[in-house]
Protein backbone atom coordinates (compact mmCIF):
# COMPACT_ATOMS: atom_id res chain seq x y z
CA UNK A 1 173.67 99.79 120.01
CA UNK A 2 171.80 97.33 117.78
CA UNK A 3 170.65 95.43 120.88
CA UNK A 4 169.30 98.62 122.42
CA UNK A 5 167.36 99.38 119.23
CA UNK A 6 165.91 95.86 119.13
CA UNK A 7 164.89 96.08 122.79
CA UNK A 8 163.29 99.47 122.14
CA UNK A 9 161.35 98.11 119.17
CA UNK A 10 160.20 95.15 121.24
CA UNK A 11 159.02 97.41 124.06
CA UNK A 12 157.12 99.63 121.60
CA UNK A 13 155.48 96.54 120.10
CA UNK A 14 154.44 95.27 123.53
CA UNK A 15 153.11 98.70 124.48
CA UNK A 16 151.10 98.97 121.26
CA UNK A 17 149.65 95.52 121.87
CA UNK A 18 148.66 96.49 125.40
CA UNK A 19 146.89 99.59 124.12
CA UNK A 20 145.01 97.61 121.47
CA UNK A 21 144.01 94.89 123.96
CA UNK A 22 142.61 96.67 127.04
CA UNK A 23 142.65 94.90 130.37
CA UNK A 24 139.54 92.79 130.91
CA UNK A 25 138.39 91.59 134.29
CA UNK A 26 137.26 88.01 134.82
CA UNK A 27 133.69 89.36 134.80
CA UNK A 28 134.23 90.24 131.15
CA UNK A 29 136.74 87.59 130.03
CA UNK A 30 134.33 84.76 130.79
CA UNK A 31 132.16 85.87 127.86
CA UNK A 32 135.00 86.36 125.36
CA UNK A 33 135.21 83.65 122.71
CA UNK A 34 137.59 85.42 120.31
CA UNK A 35 140.51 87.33 121.82
CA UNK A 36 143.30 86.96 119.28
CA UNK A 37 144.59 90.33 118.01
CA UNK A 38 144.34 89.25 114.35
CA UNK A 39 141.26 87.36 113.13
CA UNK A 40 139.97 86.36 109.71
CA UNK A 41 136.21 85.93 109.26
CA UNK A 42 136.15 83.74 106.18
CA UNK A 43 133.49 83.09 103.51
CA UNK A 44 130.84 85.30 105.09
CA UNK A 45 127.98 87.22 103.57
CA UNK A 46 128.34 90.94 104.36
CA UNK A 47 125.67 93.60 104.79
CA UNK A 48 127.93 96.61 105.23
CA UNK A 49 125.45 99.11 106.72
CA UNK A 50 125.51 101.60 103.83
CA UNK A 51 122.30 100.32 102.25
CA UNK A 52 124.06 98.62 99.33
CA UNK A 53 123.15 95.01 98.50
CA UNK A 54 124.64 92.16 100.47
CA UNK A 55 127.81 90.65 99.04
CA UNK A 56 128.61 86.94 99.15
CA UNK A 57 131.72 84.96 100.01
CA UNK A 58 133.72 87.72 101.68
CA UNK A 59 136.62 87.74 104.12
CA UNK A 60 137.01 90.35 106.85
CA UNK A 61 140.39 90.80 108.52
CA UNK A 62 140.35 92.21 112.06
CA UNK A 63 143.71 93.55 113.27
CA UNK A 64 144.01 94.92 116.82
CA UNK A 65 140.43 96.11 117.01
CA UNK A 66 140.17 97.59 113.52
CA UNK A 67 138.96 96.31 110.16
CA UNK A 68 142.21 95.90 108.25
CA UNK A 69 140.80 94.37 105.06
CA UNK A 70 137.42 93.44 103.63
CA UNK A 71 136.84 91.85 100.24
CA UNK A 72 136.30 88.75 98.20
CA UNK A 73 137.43 85.55 99.91
CA UNK A 74 139.32 84.57 96.79
CA UNK A 75 141.40 87.74 96.67
CA UNK A 76 141.79 88.90 100.29
CA UNK A 77 145.11 87.71 101.74
CA UNK A 78 144.99 86.33 105.27
CA UNK A 79 147.94 87.14 107.58
CA UNK A 80 149.79 84.08 108.79
CA UNK A 81 149.25 85.16 112.40
CA UNK A 82 145.46 85.36 112.05
CA UNK A 83 142.99 83.09 113.74
CA UNK A 84 140.97 81.68 110.85
CA UNK A 85 137.23 81.36 111.41
CA UNK A 86 135.32 79.44 108.75
CA UNK A 87 131.86 81.04 108.68
CA UNK A 88 130.16 79.88 105.50
CA UNK A 89 126.40 80.22 105.91
CA UNK A 90 126.78 83.21 108.22
CA UNK A 91 126.16 86.93 107.67
CA UNK A 92 128.14 89.79 109.17
CA UNK A 93 126.51 93.18 109.80
CA UNK A 94 127.88 96.23 111.62
CA UNK A 95 127.33 96.44 115.37
CA UNK A 96 123.90 97.93 116.01
CA UNK A 97 123.78 101.56 117.12
CA UNK A 98 120.77 101.66 119.44
CA UNK A 99 119.41 105.18 119.71
CA UNK A 100 116.57 104.77 122.20
CA UNK A 101 117.88 102.49 124.93
CA UNK A 102 117.35 102.51 128.69
CA UNK A 103 118.89 100.89 131.74
CA UNK A 104 115.53 100.57 133.47
CA UNK A 105 112.45 98.37 133.13
CA UNK A 106 108.81 98.81 134.21
CA UNK A 107 108.04 97.55 137.71
CA UNK A 108 104.82 95.97 136.41
CA UNK A 109 101.10 95.95 137.24
CA UNK A 110 100.69 99.45 135.81
CA UNK A 111 102.75 101.08 138.57
CA UNK A 112 104.49 104.19 137.09
CA UNK A 113 107.93 103.49 138.54
CA UNK A 114 110.92 101.85 136.91
CA UNK A 115 113.63 99.59 138.27
CA UNK A 116 117.26 100.08 137.23
CA UNK A 117 118.74 97.11 135.34
CA UNK A 118 122.42 97.98 135.62
CA UNK A 119 123.47 94.30 135.64
CA UNK A 120 121.23 92.63 133.07
CA UNK A 121 120.57 95.22 130.37
CA UNK A 122 124.18 95.92 129.28
CA UNK A 123 124.63 92.17 128.78
CA UNK A 124 121.37 91.84 126.86
CA UNK A 125 122.31 94.70 124.54
CA UNK A 126 125.72 93.25 123.79
CA UNK A 127 124.35 89.71 123.36
CA UNK A 128 121.94 91.02 120.71
CA UNK A 129 124.60 92.85 118.72
CA UNK A 130 124.15 96.36 120.13
CA UNK A 131 127.74 97.61 120.37
CA UNK A 132 126.83 101.31 120.74
CA UNK A 133 123.82 102.57 122.70
CA UNK A 134 122.43 106.00 123.51
CA UNK A 135 120.22 106.04 126.56
CA UNK A 136 117.16 108.15 125.77
CA UNK A 137 116.34 109.48 129.21
CA UNK A 138 117.69 108.31 132.56
CA UNK A 139 115.88 107.48 135.80
CA UNK A 140 119.20 107.12 137.64
CA UNK A 141 121.76 109.14 135.65
CA UNK A 142 124.58 108.56 138.15
CA UNK A 143 124.02 104.81 137.91
CA UNK A 144 124.06 105.02 134.12
CA UNK A 145 127.29 107.03 134.14
CA UNK A 146 128.92 104.57 136.53
CA UNK A 147 127.82 101.60 134.42
CA UNK A 148 129.42 103.26 131.41
CA UNK A 149 132.64 103.79 133.37
CA UNK A 150 132.71 100.13 134.42
CA UNK A 151 132.25 98.95 130.82
CA UNK A 152 134.82 101.39 129.43
CA UNK A 153 137.41 100.22 131.98
CA UNK A 154 136.88 96.52 131.25
CA UNK A 155 135.15 95.71 134.54
CA UNK A 156 131.77 94.79 133.04
CA UNK A 157 130.48 93.64 129.64
CA UNK A 158 128.26 95.89 127.58
CA UNK A 159 128.07 98.30 124.65
CA UNK A 160 129.70 101.69 124.34
CA UNK A 161 127.14 103.92 126.04
CA UNK A 162 126.26 107.54 125.30
CA UNK A 163 124.41 108.70 128.42
CA UNK A 164 121.54 111.20 128.40
CA UNK A 165 120.74 113.27 131.44
CA UNK A 166 117.62 112.90 133.55
CA UNK A 167 114.34 113.51 131.76
CA UNK A 168 113.52 117.16 131.17
CA UNK A 169 109.92 117.02 132.35
CA UNK A 170 107.24 119.53 133.25
CA UNK A 171 104.49 119.68 135.83
CA UNK A 172 101.89 116.91 135.69
CA UNK A 173 104.07 113.85 135.13
CA UNK A 174 102.72 110.69 136.81
CA UNK A 175 106.26 109.28 137.20
CA UNK A 176 107.43 110.07 140.72
CA UNK A 177 111.09 109.47 139.85
CA UNK A 178 111.25 112.54 137.61
CA UNK A 179 112.11 116.12 138.57
CA UNK A 180 109.50 118.52 137.22
CA UNK A 181 111.05 121.69 135.81
CA UNK A 182 109.42 124.87 137.03
CA UNK A 183 110.95 127.55 134.80
CA UNK A 184 113.37 128.21 131.91
CA UNK A 185 116.09 128.97 134.49
CA UNK A 186 115.48 125.58 136.09
CA UNK A 187 115.89 123.97 132.66
CA UNK A 188 119.17 125.81 132.05
CA UNK A 189 120.57 124.86 135.47
CA UNK A 190 119.65 121.23 134.92
CA UNK A 191 121.39 121.12 131.55
CA UNK A 192 124.50 122.86 132.89
CA UNK A 193 124.78 120.57 135.90
CA UNK A 194 124.42 117.28 134.06
CA UNK A 195 126.61 118.34 131.16
CA UNK A 196 129.36 118.92 133.71
CA UNK A 197 128.71 115.44 135.11
CA UNK A 198 129.40 113.87 131.71
CA UNK A 199 126.12 113.26 129.90
CA UNK A 200 126.22 113.77 126.14
CA UNK A 201 122.59 114.61 125.36
CA UNK A 202 119.22 115.40 126.93
CA UNK A 203 115.67 114.18 126.45
CA UNK A 204 112.61 116.39 126.77
CA UNK A 205 109.52 114.59 128.02
CA UNK A 206 105.78 114.75 127.68
CA UNK A 207 104.71 117.58 129.98
CA UNK A 208 107.56 119.95 129.19
CA UNK A 209 106.36 123.34 127.93
CA UNK A 210 107.79 125.38 125.05
CA UNK A 211 109.55 127.92 127.30
CA UNK A 212 111.49 125.26 129.21
CA UNK A 213 112.20 123.29 126.03
CA UNK A 214 113.58 126.41 124.34
CA UNK A 215 115.83 127.16 127.31
CA UNK A 216 117.10 123.57 127.46
CA UNK A 217 117.82 123.41 123.72
CA UNK A 218 119.59 126.77 123.75
CA UNK A 219 121.76 125.81 126.73
CA UNK A 220 122.58 122.35 125.38
CA UNK A 221 123.58 123.75 121.99
CA UNK A 222 125.89 126.27 123.67
CA UNK A 223 127.66 123.28 125.24
CA UNK A 224 127.83 121.36 121.95
CA UNK A 225 125.22 118.82 123.09
CA UNK A 226 121.97 117.67 121.50
CA UNK A 227 118.37 117.38 122.66
CA UNK A 228 115.84 114.74 121.72
CA UNK A 229 112.25 114.46 122.84
CA UNK A 230 109.28 112.24 123.53
CA UNK A 231 106.85 115.13 123.39
CA UNK A 232 103.17 115.69 124.06
CA UNK A 233 102.53 119.22 125.33
CA UNK A 234 104.69 120.49 122.45
CA UNK A 235 103.97 119.45 118.86
CA UNK A 236 106.59 118.29 116.38
CA UNK A 237 106.58 121.46 114.26
CA UNK A 238 106.81 123.62 117.37
CA UNK A 239 109.80 121.58 118.53
CA UNK A 240 111.46 121.82 115.13
CA UNK A 241 111.13 125.61 115.20
CA UNK A 242 112.68 125.66 118.67
CA UNK A 243 115.68 123.71 117.34
CA UNK A 244 115.28 120.21 118.76
CA UNK A 245 117.69 117.71 117.19
CA UNK A 246 115.72 114.48 117.32
CA UNK A 247 112.19 113.25 118.00
CA UNK A 248 111.43 109.90 119.56
CA UNK A 249 108.81 107.39 118.39
CA UNK A 250 107.50 109.27 115.35
CA UNK A 251 103.96 110.38 114.64
CA UNK A 252 102.60 107.90 117.20
CA UNK A 253 103.19 110.57 119.88
CA UNK A 254 102.78 113.80 117.88
CA UNK A 255 99.78 115.67 119.29
CA UNK A 256 99.62 118.59 116.85
CA UNK A 257 96.86 116.88 114.86
CA UNK A 258 94.65 116.28 117.91
CA UNK A 259 91.40 118.26 117.67
CA UNK A 260 91.29 120.94 120.34
CA UNK A 261 95.01 120.72 121.14
CA UNK A 262 95.88 123.60 123.47
CA UNK A 263 99.37 125.21 123.63
CA UNK A 264 101.62 123.64 126.27
CA UNK A 265 98.96 121.09 127.26
CA UNK A 266 99.43 117.33 126.87
CA UNK A 267 96.10 115.83 125.71
CA UNK A 268 94.98 112.35 126.85
CA UNK A 269 96.93 109.56 125.19
CA UNK A 270 93.79 107.78 124.01
CA UNK A 271 92.86 110.95 122.11
CA UNK A 272 96.23 110.94 120.34
CA UNK A 273 95.84 107.24 119.46
CA UNK A 274 92.34 107.77 118.08
CA UNK A 275 93.56 110.73 116.01
CA UNK A 276 96.47 108.74 114.59
CA UNK A 277 94.30 105.81 113.52
CA UNK A 278 92.12 108.19 111.46
CA UNK A 279 95.01 110.24 110.09
CA UNK A 280 95.92 110.09 106.40
CA UNK A 281 99.73 109.97 106.34
CA UNK A 282 99.75 111.14 102.71
CA UNK A 283 97.50 114.14 103.43
CA UNK A 284 98.97 117.63 102.86
CA UNK A 285 99.13 118.56 106.60
CA UNK A 286 101.15 115.46 107.49
CA UNK A 287 103.39 115.79 104.43
CA UNK A 288 104.01 119.45 105.29
CA UNK A 289 105.02 118.42 108.81
CA UNK A 290 107.41 115.83 107.37
CA UNK A 291 108.97 118.41 105.06
CA UNK A 292 109.31 120.83 107.97
CA UNK A 293 111.22 118.27 110.02
CA UNK A 294 113.51 117.51 107.09
CA UNK A 295 114.19 121.23 106.49
CA UNK A 296 115.12 121.67 110.15
CA UNK A 297 117.32 118.54 110.03
CA UNK A 298 115.35 116.90 112.83
CA UNK A 299 115.98 113.15 113.00
CA UNK A 300 113.38 110.57 114.04
CA UNK A 301 114.10 107.54 116.21
CA UNK A 302 111.99 104.54 115.25
CA UNK A 303 110.83 102.50 118.25
CA UNK A 304 108.44 100.17 116.48
CA UNK A 305 109.14 97.33 118.92
CA UNK A 306 107.57 99.11 121.89
CA UNK A 307 104.34 99.75 119.94
CA UNK A 308 104.38 96.26 118.47
CA UNK A 309 104.40 94.83 122.01
CA UNK A 310 101.00 96.39 122.74
CA UNK A 311 99.26 95.01 119.65
CA UNK A 312 97.24 91.76 119.63
CA UNK A 313 99.26 88.56 119.14
CA UNK A 314 102.52 90.52 118.88
CA UNK A 315 105.45 90.15 118.94
CA UNK A 316 106.01 86.42 118.31
CA UNK A 317 106.46 84.82 121.72
CA UNK A 318 110.18 84.23 122.29
CA UNK A 319 111.18 81.73 124.98
CA UNK A 320 114.58 83.40 125.30
CA UNK A 321 112.84 86.62 126.36
CA UNK A 322 110.71 84.78 128.94
CA UNK A 323 113.83 83.08 130.29
CA UNK A 324 115.60 86.34 131.17
CA UNK A 325 112.65 87.63 133.23
CA UNK A 326 112.16 86.95 136.90
CA UNK A 327 109.24 84.57 137.53
CA UNK A 328 107.05 87.48 138.63
CA UNK A 329 108.23 89.54 135.65
CA UNK A 330 107.30 86.73 133.27
CA UNK A 331 103.81 86.47 134.79
CA UNK A 332 103.36 90.25 134.58
CA UNK A 333 104.42 90.39 130.93
CA UNK A 334 102.40 87.36 129.82
CA UNK A 335 99.32 88.78 131.57
CA UNK A 336 99.77 92.12 129.79
CA UNK A 337 100.31 90.32 126.49
CA UNK A 338 97.12 88.29 126.95
CA UNK A 339 95.22 91.48 127.82
CA UNK A 340 96.36 93.10 124.56
CA UNK A 341 95.55 89.97 122.57
CA UNK A 342 92.08 89.64 124.06
CA UNK A 343 91.25 93.29 123.41
CA UNK A 344 88.34 93.76 121.02
CA UNK A 345 89.95 96.92 119.65
CA UNK A 346 92.48 96.81 116.82
CA UNK A 347 93.56 100.41 117.49
CA UNK A 348 97.04 99.41 118.69
CA UNK A 349 97.77 97.46 115.52
CA UNK A 350 96.22 100.16 113.33
CA UNK A 351 98.39 102.78 115.03
CA UNK A 352 101.51 100.65 114.51
CA UNK A 353 100.74 100.42 110.79
CA UNK A 354 100.30 104.21 110.60
CA UNK A 355 103.65 104.68 112.34
CA UNK A 356 105.34 102.33 109.90
CA UNK A 357 103.87 104.28 106.99
CA UNK A 358 104.96 107.59 108.52
CA UNK A 359 108.54 106.41 108.94
CA UNK A 360 108.69 105.21 105.35
CA UNK A 361 107.37 108.57 104.12
CA UNK A 362 109.84 110.43 106.34
CA UNK A 363 112.82 108.58 104.86
CA UNK A 364 111.45 108.97 101.32
CA UNK A 365 111.37 112.73 101.94
CA UNK A 366 115.04 112.74 102.92
CA UNK A 367 114.76 112.44 106.71
CA UNK A 368 117.29 110.69 108.94
CA UNK A 369 115.60 107.71 110.60
CA UNK A 370 117.37 105.84 113.40
CA UNK A 371 116.34 102.89 115.55
CA UNK A 372 116.02 101.93 119.22
CA UNK A 373 113.93 99.65 121.39
CA UNK A 374 112.60 101.73 124.34
CA UNK A 375 112.38 98.76 126.76
CA UNK A 376 109.30 99.99 128.61
CA UNK A 377 105.59 99.52 127.84
CA UNK A 378 104.18 96.15 128.92
CA UNK A 379 107.63 94.52 129.04
CA UNK A 380 107.53 92.94 125.59
CA UNK A 381 110.08 95.37 124.15
CA UNK A 382 113.16 93.94 125.82
CA UNK A 383 116.66 95.40 125.77
CA UNK A 384 118.53 93.89 122.84
CA UNK A 385 115.70 91.59 121.76
CA UNK A 386 113.66 94.64 120.77
CA UNK A 387 116.55 96.14 118.80
CA UNK A 388 116.53 93.01 116.63
CA UNK A 389 112.73 93.03 116.44
CA UNK A 390 112.94 96.59 115.09
CA UNK A 391 114.79 95.28 112.04
CA UNK A 392 111.92 92.90 111.31
CA UNK A 393 109.37 95.68 111.77
CA UNK A 394 111.26 98.08 109.52
CA UNK A 395 111.07 95.45 106.79
CA UNK A 396 107.36 95.11 107.57
CA UNK A 397 107.21 98.87 106.94
CA UNK A 398 108.48 98.25 103.36
CA UNK A 399 112.16 99.00 103.87
CA UNK A 400 114.47 96.42 102.35
CA UNK A 401 116.56 94.36 104.80
CA UNK A 402 119.73 96.26 103.86
CA UNK A 403 117.90 99.58 104.34
CA UNK A 404 116.73 98.39 107.76
CA UNK A 405 120.30 97.53 108.73
CA UNK A 406 121.46 100.99 107.66
CA UNK A 407 118.75 102.62 109.80
CA UNK A 408 119.87 100.55 112.81
CA UNK A 409 123.61 101.15 112.30
CA UNK A 410 125.06 103.91 110.12
CA UNK A 411 122.22 106.40 110.60
CA UNK A 412 122.63 106.40 114.38
CA UNK A 413 126.40 106.69 114.02
CA UNK A 414 125.92 109.77 111.83
CA UNK A 415 123.68 111.47 114.41
CA UNK A 416 126.31 110.75 117.08
CA UNK A 417 128.97 112.12 114.72
CA UNK A 418 130.81 108.83 115.11
CA UNK A 419 130.35 107.48 111.58
CA UNK A 420 134.06 107.87 110.88
CA UNK A 421 134.61 105.07 113.44
CA UNK A 422 131.47 102.93 113.60
CA UNK A 423 128.19 102.19 111.85
CA UNK A 424 129.42 100.43 108.71
CA UNK A 425 131.93 97.82 107.59
CA UNK A 426 134.89 99.49 105.91
CA UNK A 427 138.66 99.39 106.06
CA UNK A 428 140.04 101.34 109.00
CA UNK A 429 136.83 101.39 111.01
CA UNK A 430 136.44 99.90 114.47
CA UNK A 431 135.69 96.19 114.31
CA UNK A 432 132.17 96.34 115.77
CA UNK A 433 130.56 93.41 113.99
CA UNK A 434 127.69 90.97 114.49
CA UNK A 435 128.00 87.39 113.21
CA UNK A 436 124.55 85.99 112.41
CA UNK A 437 123.74 82.44 111.37
CA UNK A 438 121.62 82.58 108.23
CA UNK A 439 120.77 85.19 105.63
CA UNK A 440 118.77 88.20 106.91
CA UNK A 441 119.07 89.79 103.46
CA UNK A 442 116.61 87.12 102.29
CA UNK A 443 114.88 86.28 105.58
CA UNK A 444 114.99 89.17 108.02
CA UNK A 445 113.97 87.02 111.01
CA UNK A 446 117.43 85.41 110.80
CA UNK A 447 118.74 88.50 112.62
CA UNK A 448 117.67 86.73 115.82
CA UNK A 449 120.39 84.12 115.28
CA UNK A 450 123.26 86.16 116.76
CA UNK A 451 126.27 83.97 117.46
CA UNK A 452 129.27 86.25 118.05
CA UNK A 453 129.40 89.99 118.69
CA UNK A 454 132.69 91.78 118.05
CA UNK A 455 133.23 95.01 119.95
CA UNK A 456 136.49 96.73 119.02
CA UNK A 457 137.75 93.41 117.65
CA UNK A 458 136.97 91.30 120.72
CA UNK A 459 134.41 88.55 120.10
CA UNK A 460 131.71 87.92 122.72
CA UNK A 461 129.65 84.73 122.95
CA UNK A 462 126.00 85.78 122.65
CA UNK A 463 124.60 82.64 124.24
CA UNK A 464 126.83 82.91 127.31
CA UNK A 465 125.80 86.52 127.85
CA UNK A 466 122.11 85.58 127.65
CA UNK A 467 122.50 82.67 130.05
CA UNK A 468 124.24 84.93 132.57
CA UNK A 469 121.09 87.03 133.00
CA UNK A 470 118.44 84.31 133.10
CA UNK A 471 115.64 85.16 135.56
CA UNK A 472 117.21 88.51 136.50
CA UNK A 473 115.41 91.14 134.40
CA UNK A 474 113.06 93.05 136.67
CA UNK A 475 115.37 92.47 139.63
CA UNK A 476 118.66 94.06 138.54
């Protein structure tokens, strides 16, 4: 009888281990540098994602994918079975929760079509510390859903994806890949269909009118799903009244302050840019809009990196980014970068500064600000790289480094209603962690020095992931 009990206990232990350590294909295992079920990250600096100051000389115990203990190195016991990793001089932050990500990239030369990057982008996100990513609009939603399924089953490396449906767009879009909704009923049918296919949110786009937006929001909310938007024909306050859950990019794309704005009409983008540059962010109309968004519990997703890429001499040229592009992609991006740098107008940089100020004011008023890269534009806002650049730009916007980390981690987790599992470093949470060489609490640019990314307790080698996609972005 005792033998049977011991065998049963052994089988239960083996089964529990198998559950905690999912099967990984060779396509994934080649990038894994830490696979032991119990790991001790010793003598690290910790920025826990809650906005509290960094703490020095800590030990984090990972046990079968979860954070089992976190505290002072001098008082945190280390299990005898643990792999001990001496990481003095390194900082650990929560895995980034990217809230405006894509699996496509511009085809270049100003052509309004986008190429799916199902191979390279998931690896770039993970290499940069993005362990959770919400796509914010899909060009190929079936591809995105299938990529998620491959990652979830251990057949491909990448973050945990939340997939949005295809763009909810109206008549007039220059992007040929998008379906243009023709009526509220069309909007409802689209939401119903893609919700059944497994998407978890929807994104309204620039030419969508109020009637179709209202129908989409109403239908999505019935299904327990959320709607975000990169709007133009509809202003922010109109969208808030309709019940939208999130707005992308911030005041950079809000057209309600454009002189002569007509209902349901998207004005020229240069008009919006010119209006923004002249706008006083502290003026009563803007502050009233901010308060209205906060009252309606509308979140904002910061995508400073995509605007930064269009400003002169920005961002700092990163050889690692050039190396992941195809040769033609590198030429296309560097040409676009030179064009922005040579421009006599400072409007792009002025607009970026206004956006930074708006986001600071929005948070000060109690708004929920999240972060994402939007890897589009001229190609300078790259998947993963741009998520890290956002942290630098949030600090440029006067947030402290620990506040910037919270925006890029816990705030997104809250919007996803996943903050009980991810978004911060705490006992019992999933071990989604980024090991960074240096001290981003003192020097935010150190966030670029990602060495190991833990996703559910499994450590991935950032450098190997980056090398695996050299010269592929723009191709696949």
